[in-house]
Amino acid sequence: MKIEHLALNVSDPLNMARWYVEHLGFTVKRRGIESPWVHFLADDSGTVMLELYGNPDAAALDFPSVQPPALHLAFVSRNIEGDVRRLTAAGATVVADVHKLGEDTFAMLRDPWGLPLQLVRRGTPMID
């Protein structure tokens, strides 16, 4: 089986979806124009999607209280240092600056809503 999407009930789906499109290169595949403001966003491979929505009848996740080792969204980055600068200028915050573990290079950020975002450059890529 193949993963189609990961769904996140968030407090601000409109602005969060816009930020992911503008700063992380996602593409809107489908969106709702009324509550709960469902947005299906595909990454630049077009094969993985996030669903962001704001369902008032379900608890929105409290991302700022989530520790990054418990949950994070990881992105392949060819220029981690540059991406850290670009994303922090757009409102992300640094949790752990650029560092190496073995042959891999990482940084951990939080998006403006607190969701942990990991940037990774593998010494030996695991995916294209």
Protein backbone atom coordinates (compact mmCIF):
# COMPACT_ATOMS: atom_id res chain seq x y z
CA MET A 1 0.00 0.00 0.00
CA LYS A 2 1.06 3.56 -0.62
CA ILE A 3 0.48 6.48 1.74
CA GLU A 4 -1.83 9.06 0.14
CA HIS A 5 -1.82 11.72 2.85
CA LEU A 6 -1.36 12.60 6.50
CA ALA A 7 -4.24 14.64 7.93
CA LEU A 8 -3.71 17.32 10.58
CA ASN A 9 -6.52 19.18 12.35
CA VAL A 10 -4.99 22.62 12.86
CA SER A 11 -6.08 25.95 14.29
CA ASP A 12 -5.39 28.04 11.16
CA PRO A 13 -5.65 25.86 8.02
CA LEU A 14 -5.93 28.76 5.55
CA ASN A 15 -2.74 30.52 6.58
CA MET A 16 -0.87 27.31 7.31
CA ALA A 17 -1.67 25.96 3.82
CA ARG A 18 -0.60 29.27 2.26
CA TRP A 19 2.72 29.19 4.19
CA TYR A 20 3.44 25.60 3.09
CA VAL A 21 2.76 26.52 -0.54
CA GLU A 22 4.83 29.73 -0.44
CA HIS A 23 7.78 28.50 1.61
CA LEU A 24 7.96 24.71 1.29
CA GLY A 25 6.95 24.31 -2.35
CA PHE A 26 3.68 22.46 -1.82
CA THR A 27 0.94 22.51 -4.45
CA VAL A 28 -2.78 22.72 -3.66
CA LYS A 29 -4.48 19.63 -5.09
CA ARG A 30 -7.91 20.27 -3.55
CA ARG A 31 -9.30 22.83 -1.14
CA GLY A 32 -12.53 23.69 0.57
CA ILE A 33 -13.78 27.26 0.45
CA GLU A 34 -15.76 27.01 3.69
CA SER A 35 -15.30 25.49 7.13
CA PRO A 36 -13.46 23.23 7.88
CA TRP A 37 -11.21 24.73 5.14
CA VAL A 38 -9.80 21.40 3.94
CA HIS A 39 -6.58 21.72 1.96
CA PHE A 40 -4.84 18.78 0.30
CA LEU A 41 -1.26 19.83 -0.37
CA ALA A 42 1.23 17.77 -2.41
CA ASP A 43 4.97 18.00 -1.93
CA ASP A 44 7.19 18.75 -4.93
CA SER A 45 7.33 15.05 -5.86
CA GLY A 46 3.55 15.07 -6.28
CA THR A 47 3.35 11.70 -4.54
CA VAL A 48 2.92 12.67 -0.88
CA MET A 49 0.18 14.91 0.49
CA LEU A 50 -0.74 16.66 3.71
CA GLU A 51 -4.36 17.40 4.52
CA LEU A 52 -4.73 20.53 6.64
CA TYR A 53 -8.16 21.36 8.00
CA GLY A 54 -9.83 23.04 10.97
CA ASN A 55 -12.57 20.82 12.38
CA PRO A 56 -14.03 22.68 15.40
CA ASP A 57 -15.61 19.44 16.70
CA ALA A 58 -12.22 17.75 17.11
CA ALA A 59 -9.20 18.83 19.13
CA ALA A 60 -6.60 20.73 17.15
CA LEU A 61 -3.13 19.44 17.82
CA ASP A 62 -1.04 21.55 20.20
CA PHE A 63 2.14 21.54 18.13
CA PRO A 64 4.15 23.89 20.36
CA SER A 65 3.92 21.34 23.18
CA VAL A 66 5.01 18.41 20.99
CA GLN A 67 8.65 17.44 21.36
CA PRO A 68 10.31 17.03 17.93
CA PRO A 69 11.51 13.45 18.64
CA ALA A 70 7.84 12.49 19.18
CA LEU A 71 6.57 14.05 15.92
CA HIS A 72 8.17 15.97 13.10
CA LEU A 73 7.72 16.44 9.37
CA ALA A 74 11.03 15.78 7.58
CA PHE A 75 12.09 17.40 4.31
CA VAL A 76 15.01 16.60 2.03
CA SER A 77 17.12 19.75 1.73
CA ARG A 78 19.96 20.26 -0.68
CA ASN A 79 20.99 23.48 1.11
CA ILE A 80 20.13 23.20 4.80
CA GLU A 81 21.92 26.39 5.84
CA GLY A 82 20.14 28.42 3.16
CA ASP A 83 16.78 26.81 3.90
CA VAL A 84 17.15 27.57 7.62
CA ARG A 85 17.82 31.25 6.80
CA ARG A 86 14.93 31.41 4.31
CA LEU A 87 12.39 29.67 6.55
CA THR A 88 13.30 31.61 9.70
CA ALA A 89 12.91 34.84 7.71
CA ALA A 90 9.40 33.56 6.85
CA GLY A 91 8.47 32.95 10.51
CA ALA A 92 9.87 29.52 11.39
CA THR A 93 11.98 29.17 14.56
CA VAL A 94 15.12 27.13 15.11
CA VAL A 95 14.94 24.23 17.58
CA ALA A 96 18.33 22.71 16.69
CA ASP A 97 20.61 24.48 14.22
CA VAL A 98 22.53 22.70 11.47
CA HIS A 99 24.42 19.68 12.80
CA LYS A 100 25.80 16.35 11.62
CA LEU A 101 25.01 12.85 12.82
CA GLY A 102 27.32 10.43 11.08
CA GLU A 103 27.24 11.22 7.36
CA ASP A 104 23.84 13.00 7.55
CA THR A 105 23.23 16.71 8.14
CA PHE A 106 20.13 17.98 9.97
CA ALA A 107 18.37 21.04 11.34
CA MET A 108 15.13 21.13 13.35
CA LEU A 109 12.73 24.06 13.06
CA ARG A 110 9.14 24.81 14.02
CA ASP A 111 6.76 26.31 11.50
CA PRO A 112 4.87 29.45 12.63
CA TRP A 113 2.19 27.20 14.23
CA GLY A 114 4.74 25.15 16.16
CA LEU A 115 4.82 21.98 14.03
CA PRO A 116 8.37 20.54 14.13
CA LEU A 117 10.04 20.50 10.71
CA GLN A 118 13.25 18.59 10.16
CA LEU A 119 15.55 19.46 7.28
CA VAL A 120 17.83 16.59 6.27
CA ARG A 121 20.61 16.00 3.77
CA ARG A 122 21.60 12.34 3.79
CA GLY A 123 25.16 11.33 3.06
CA THR A 124 23.60 8.42 1.18
CA PRO A 125 20.11 9.42 -0.02
CA MET A 126 17.32 7.02 0.90
CA ILE A 127 14.78 8.51 -1.56
CA ASP A 128 15.02 10.70 -4.66
